[in-house]
């Protein structure tokens, strides 16, 4: 599987608790922070849940 870079582009303020926890689980704690993950089904599902808050690039 490939790798992806996930970047938080929108704030988690006024978002449901499950979306905030998903961002924390992805390792995103600040705006414009980027993290690198393997493109596993679990990670892709988490990214899909908060797709309106993040941007994704494939490596």
PDB file of N, CA and C in Angstrom:
ATOM      1  N   UNK A   1       0.837  -1.190   0.000  1.00  0.00           N
ATOM      2  CA  UNK A   1       0.000   0.000   0.000  1.00  0.00           C
ATOM      3  C   UNK A   1       0.874   1.243   0.000  1.00  0.00           C
ATOM      4  N   UNK A   2       0.341   2.305  -0.564  1.00  0.00           N
ATOM      5  CA  UNK A   2       1.088   3.543  -0.656  1.00  0.00           C
ATOM      6  C   UNK A   2       1.011   4.363   0.610  1.00  0.00           C
ATOM      7  N   UNK A   3       1.621   5.502   0.529  1.00  0.00           N
ATOM      8  CA  UNK A   3       1.588   6.431   1.661  1.00  0.00           C
ATOM      9  C   UNK A   3       0.802   7.670   1.264  1.00  0.00           C
ATOM     10  N   UNK A   4       0.205   8.308   2.259  1.00  0.00           N
ATOM     11  CA  UNK A   4      -0.532   9.548   2.032  1.00  0.00           C
ATOM     12  C   UNK A   4      -0.076  10.584   3.047  1.00  0.00           C
ATOM     13  N   UNK A   5      -0.184  11.844   2.656  1.00  0.00           N
ATOM     14  CA  UNK A   5       0.059  12.960   3.576  1.00  0.00           C
ATOM     15  C   UNK A   5      -1.285  13.621   3.821  1.00  0.00           C
ATOM     16  N   UNK A   6      -1.643  13.737   5.099  1.00  0.00           N
ATOM     17  CA  UNK A   6      -2.913  14.339   5.494  1.00  0.00           C
ATOM     18  C   UNK A   6      -2.603  15.674   6.162  1.00  0.00           C
ATOM     19  N   UNK A   7      -3.255  16.728   5.689  1.00  0.00           N
ATOM     20  CA  UNK A   7      -3.033  18.073   6.217  1.00  0.00           C
ATOM     21  C   UNK A   7      -4.357  18.647   6.694  1.00  0.00           C
ATOM     22  N   UNK A   8      -4.373  19.176   7.922  1.00  0.00           N
ATOM     23  CA  UNK A   8      -5.588  19.805   8.440  1.00  0.00           C
ATOM     24  C   UNK A   8      -5.686  21.214   7.867  1.00  0.00           C
ATOM     25  N   UNK A   9      -6.789  21.484   7.142  1.00  0.00           N
ATOM     26  CA  UNK A   9      -6.947  22.779   6.493  1.00  0.00           C
ATOM     27  C   UNK A   9      -8.089  23.601   7.082  1.00  0.00           C
ATOM     28  N   UNK A  10      -8.947  22.982   7.899  1.00  0.00           N
ATOM     29  CA  UNK A  10     -10.035  23.712   8.546  1.00  0.00           C
ATOM     30  C   UNK A  10     -10.012  23.400  10.031  1.00  0.00           C
ATOM     31  N   UNK A  11     -10.559  24.306  10.820  1.00  0.00           N
ATOM     32  CA  UNK A  11     -10.527  24.191  12.271  1.00  0.00           C
ATOM     33  C   UNK A  11     -11.495  23.127  12.772  1.00  0.00           C
ATOM     34  N   UNK A  12     -11.149  22.550  13.926  1.00  0.00           N
ATOM     35  CA  UNK A  12     -12.041  21.583  14.558  1.00  0.00           C
ATOM     36  C   UNK A  12     -12.972  22.233  15.578  1.00  0.00           C
ATOM     37  N   UNK A  13     -12.916  23.553  15.683  1.00  0.00           N
ATOM     38  CA  UNK A  13     -13.822  24.274  16.578  1.00  0.00           C
ATOM     39  C   UNK A  13     -15.250  24.127  16.065  1.00  0.00           C
ATOM     40  N   UNK A  14     -16.189  23.901  16.969  1.00  0.00           N
ATOM     41  CA  UNK A  14     -17.624  23.730  16.660  1.00  0.00           C
ATOM     42  C   UNK A  14     -17.895  22.505  15.798  1.00  0.00           C
ATOM     43  N   UNK A  15     -17.080  21.471  15.963  1.00  0.00           N
ATOM     44  CA  UNK A  15     -17.294  20.196  15.276  1.00  0.00           C
ATOM     45  C   UNK A  15     -17.739  19.166  16.316  1.00  0.00           C
ATOM     46  N   UNK A  16     -18.442  18.125  15.874  1.00  0.00           N
ATOM     47  CA  UNK A  16     -18.845  17.068  16.809  1.00  0.00           C
ATOM     48  C   UNK A  16     -17.631  16.383  17.435  1.00  0.00           C
ATOM     49  N   UNK A  17     -17.839  15.845  18.620  1.00  0.00           N
ATOM     50  CA  UNK A  17     -16.744  15.231  19.371  1.00  0.00           C
ATOM     51  C   UNK A  17     -16.091  14.079  18.606  1.00  0.00           C
ATOM     52  N   UNK A  18     -16.888  13.298  17.859  1.00  0.00           N
ATOM     53  CA  UNK A  18     -16.301  12.174  17.128  1.00  0.00           C
ATOM     54  C   UNK A  18     -15.349  12.650  16.031  1.00  0.00           C
ATOM     55  N   UNK A  19     -15.637  13.797  15.419  1.00  0.00           N
ATOM     56  CA  UNK A  19     -14.725  14.327  14.401  1.00  0.00           C
ATOM     57  C   UNK A  19     -13.449  14.857  15.047  1.00  0.00           C
ATOM     58  N   UNK A  20     -13.580  15.484  16.214  1.00  0.00           N
ATOM     59  CA  UNK A  20     -12.385  15.955  16.926  1.00  0.00           C
ATOM     60  C   UNK A  20     -11.494  14.781  17.306  1.00  0.00           C
ATOM     61  N   UNK A  21     -12.100  13.703  17.781  1.00  0.00           N
ATOM     62  CA  UNK A  21     -11.331  12.520  18.167  1.00  0.00           C
ATOM     63  C   UNK A  21     -10.677  11.864  16.961  1.00  0.00           C
ATOM     64  N   UNK A  22     -11.345  11.896  15.825  1.00  0.00           N
ATOM     65  CA  UNK A  22     -10.766  11.323  14.606  1.00  0.00           C
ATOM     66  C   UNK A  22      -9.526  12.106  14.191  1.00  0.00           C
ATOM     67  N   UNK A  23      -9.601  13.444  14.263  1.00  0.00           N
ATOM     68  CA  UNK A  23      -8.420  14.256  13.942  1.00  0.00           C
ATOM     69  C   UNK A  23      -7.277  13.945  14.898  1.00  0.00           C
ATOM     70  N   UNK A  24      -7.585  13.811  16.200  1.00  0.00           N
ATOM     71  CA  UNK A  24      -6.544  13.482  17.181  1.00  0.00           C
ATOM     72  C   UNK A  24      -5.930  12.114  16.874  1.00  0.00           C
ATOM     73  N   UNK A  25      -6.778  11.157  16.497  1.00  0.00           N
ATOM     74  CA  UNK A  25      -6.281   9.813  16.196  1.00  0.00           C
ATOM     75  C   UNK A  25      -5.389   9.812  14.958  1.00  0.00           C
ATOM     76  N   UNK A  26      -5.657  10.713  14.030  1.00  0.00           N
ATOM     77  CA  UNK A  26      -4.799  10.839  12.850  1.00  0.00           C
ATOM     78  C   UNK A  26      -3.489  11.557  13.177  1.00  0.00           C
ATOM     79  N   UNK A  27      -3.406  12.170  14.351  1.00  0.00           N
ATOM     80  CA  UNK A  27      -2.193  12.879  14.744  1.00  0.00           C
ATOM     81  C   UNK A  27      -2.228  14.355  14.418  1.00  0.00           C
ATOM     82  N   UNK A  28      -3.416  14.881  14.097  1.00  0.00           N
ATOM     83  CA  UNK A  28      -3.555  16.295  13.744  1.00  0.00           C
ATOM     84  C   UNK A  28      -4.071  17.069  14.942  1.00  0.00           C
ATOM     85  N   UNK A  29      -3.265  18.007  15.417  1.00  0.00           N
ATOM     86  CA  UNK A  29      -3.639  18.774  16.591  1.00  0.00           C
ATOM     87  C   UNK A  29      -3.690  20.274  16.331  1.00  0.00           C
ATOM     88  N   UNK A  30      -3.078  20.722  15.231  1.00  0.00           N
ATOM     89  CA  UNK A  30      -3.039  22.148  14.906  1.00  0.00           C
ATOM     90  C   UNK A  30      -3.399  22.356  13.444  1.00  0.00           C
ATOM     91  N   UNK A  31      -3.816  23.558  13.127  1.00  0.00           N
ATOM     92  CA  UNK A  31      -4.093  23.915  11.737  1.00  0.00           C
ATOM     93  C   UNK A  31      -2.807  23.833  10.923  1.00  0.00           C
ATOM     94  N   UNK A  32      -2.917  23.424   9.677  1.00  0.00           N
ATOM     95  CA  UNK A  32      -1.823  23.315   8.716  1.00  0.00           C
ATOM     96  C   UNK A  32      -0.766  22.291   9.095  1.00  0.00           C
ATOM     97  N   UNK A  33      -1.053  21.449  10.080  1.00  0.00           N
ATOM     98  CA  UNK A  33      -0.137  20.374  10.443  1.00  0.00           C
ATOM     99  C   UNK A  33      -0.295  19.233   9.445  1.00  0.00           C
ATOM    100  N   UNK A  34       0.816  18.618   9.069  1.00  0.00           N
ATOM    101  CA  UNK A  34       0.798  17.505   8.133  1.00  0.00           C
ATOM    102  C   UNK A  34       1.326  16.256   8.823  1.00  0.00           C
ATOM    103  N   UNK A  35       0.702  15.121   8.528  1.00  0.00           N
ATOM    104  CA  UNK A  35       1.179  13.833   9.028  1.00  0.00           C
ATOM    105  C   UNK A  35       1.192  12.844   7.869  1.00  0.00           C
ATOM    106  N   UNK A  36       2.074  11.873   7.964  1.00  0.00           N
ATOM    107  CA  UNK A  36       2.210  10.858   6.924  1.00  0.00           C
ATOM    108  C   UNK A  36       1.706   9.532   7.474  1.00  0.00           C
ATOM    109  N   UNK A  37       0.887   8.834   6.686  1.00  0.00           N
ATOM    110  CA  UNK A  37       0.328   7.549   7.092  1.00  0.00           C
ATOM    111  C   UNK A  37       0.383   6.581   5.927  1.00  0.00           C
ATOM    112  N   UNK A  38       0.351   5.283   6.256  1.00  0.00           N
ATOM    113  CA  UNK A  38       0.137   4.255   5.248  1.00  0.00           C
ATOM    114  C   UNK A  38      -1.316   4.337   4.802  1.00  0.00           C
ATOM    115  N   UNK A  39      -1.594   4.038   3.560  1.00  0.00           N
ATOM    116  CA  UNK A  39      -2.946   4.118   3.017  1.00  0.00           C
ATOM    117  C   UNK A  39      -3.700   2.817   3.288  1.00  0.00           C
ATOM    118  N   UNK A  40      -3.933   2.510   4.561  1.00  0.00           N
ATOM    119  CA  UNK A  40      -4.689   1.315   4.944  1.00  0.00           C
ATOM    120  C   UNK A  40      -6.179   1.637   4.925  1.00  0.00           C
ATOM    121  N   UNK A  41      -7.029   0.627   4.871  1.00  0.00           N
ATOM    122  CA  UNK A  41      -8.475   0.890   4.893  1.00  0.00           C
ATOM    123  C   UNK A  41      -8.925   1.637   6.147  1.00  0.00           C
ATOM    124  N   UNK A  42      -8.289   1.377   7.287  1.00  0.00           N
ATOM    125  CA  UNK A  42      -8.658   2.054   8.519  1.00  0.00           C
ATOM    126  C   UNK A  42      -8.341   3.551   8.446  1.00  0.00           C
ATOM    127  N   UNK A  43      -7.163   3.882   7.965  1.00  0.00           N
ATOM    128  CA  UNK A  43      -6.760   5.290   7.846  1.00  0.00           C
ATOM    129  C   UNK A  43      -7.613   5.995   6.808  1.00  0.00           C
ATOM    130  N   UNK A  44      -7.875   5.340   5.679  1.00  0.00           N
ATOM    131  CA  UNK A  44      -8.694   5.963   4.636  1.00  0.00           C
ATOM    132  C   UNK A  44     -10.121   6.203   5.124  1.00  0.00           C
ATOM    133  N   UNK A  45     -10.641   5.316   5.966  1.00  0.00           N
ATOM    134  CA  UNK A  45     -11.963   5.519   6.549  1.00  0.00           C
ATOM    135  C   UNK A  45     -11.985   6.705   7.490  1.00  0.00           C
ATOM    136  N   UNK A  46     -10.918   6.868   8.277  1.00  0.00           N
ATOM    137  CA  UNK A  46     -10.830   8.022   9.181  1.00  0.00           C
ATOM    138  C   UNK A  46     -10.743   9.317   8.379  1.00  0.00           C
ATOM    139  N   UNK A  47      -9.946   9.296   7.312  1.00  0.00           N
ATOM    140  CA  UNK A  47      -9.814  10.489   6.464  1.00  0.00           C
ATOM    141  C   UNK A  47     -11.153  10.814   5.810  1.00  0.00           C
ATOM    142  N   UNK A  48     -11.884   9.803   5.384  1.00  0.00           N
ATOM    143  CA  UNK A  48     -13.180  10.022   4.753  1.00  0.00           C
ATOM    144  C   UNK A  48     -14.173  10.663   5.727  1.00  0.00           C
ATOM    145  N   UNK A  49     -14.053  10.327   6.990  1.00  0.00           N
ATOM    146  CA  UNK A  49     -14.971  10.873   8.003  1.00  0.00           C
ATOM    147  C   UNK A  49     -14.758  12.375   8.194  1.00  0.00           C
ATOM    148  N   UNK A  50     -13.539  12.847   8.053  1.00  0.00           N
ATOM    149  CA  UNK A  50     -13.236  14.270   8.261  1.00  0.00           C
ATOM    150  C   UNK A  50     -12.733  14.913   6.969  1.00  0.00           C
ATOM    151  N   UNK A  51     -13.195  14.427   5.817  1.00  0.00           N
ATOM    152  CA  UNK A  51     -12.696  14.914   4.525  1.00  0.00           C
ATOM    153  C   UNK A  51     -12.947  16.398   4.311  1.00  0.00           C
ATOM    154  N   UNK A  52     -13.940  16.978   5.006  1.00  0.00           N
ATOM    155  CA  UNK A  52     -14.232  18.404   4.874  1.00  0.00           C
ATOM    156  C   UNK A  52     -13.270  19.264   5.699  1.00  0.00           C
ATOM    157  N   UNK A  53     -12.445  18.637   6.536  1.00  0.00           N
ATOM    158  CA  UNK A  53     -11.489  19.356   7.377  1.00  0.00           C
ATOM    159  C   UNK A  53     -10.042  19.176   6.946  1.00  0.00           C
ATOM    160  N   UNK A  54      -9.779  18.215   6.068  1.00  0.00           N
ATOM    161  CA  UNK A  54      -8.403  17.881   5.702  1.00  0.00           C
ATOM    162  C   UNK A  54      -8.210  17.862   4.188  1.00  0.00           C
ATOM    163  N   UNK A  55      -6.955  17.904   3.781  1.00  0.00           N
ATOM    164  CA  UNK A  55      -6.603  17.648   2.383  1.00  0.00           C
ATOM    165  C   UNK A  55      -5.645  16.471   2.378  1.00  0.00           C
ATOM    166  N   UNK A  56      -5.663  15.698   1.287  1.00  0.00           N
ATOM    167  CA  UNK A  56      -4.882  14.468   1.204  1.00  0.00           C
ATOM    168  C   UNK A  56      -4.063  14.486  -0.071  1.00  0.00           C
ATOM    169  N   UNK A  57      -2.784  14.099   0.068  1.00  0.00           N
ATOM    170  CA  UNK A  57      -1.893  13.930  -1.087  1.00  0.00           C
ATOM    171  C   UNK A  57      -1.308  12.542  -1.045  1.00  0.00           C
ATOM    172  N   UNK A  58      -1.206  11.892  -2.188  1.00  0.00           N
ATOM    173  CA  UNK A  58      -0.543  10.598  -2.273  1.00  0.00           C
ATOM    174  C   UNK A  58       0.940  10.809  -2.545  1.00  0.00           C
ATOM    175  N   UNK A  59       1.744   9.937  -1.978  1.00  0.00           N
ATOM    176  CA  UNK A  59       3.189  10.017  -2.200  1.00  0.00           C
ATOM    177  C   UNK A  59       3.569   8.973  -3.230  1.00  0.00           C
TER     178      UNK A  59
END
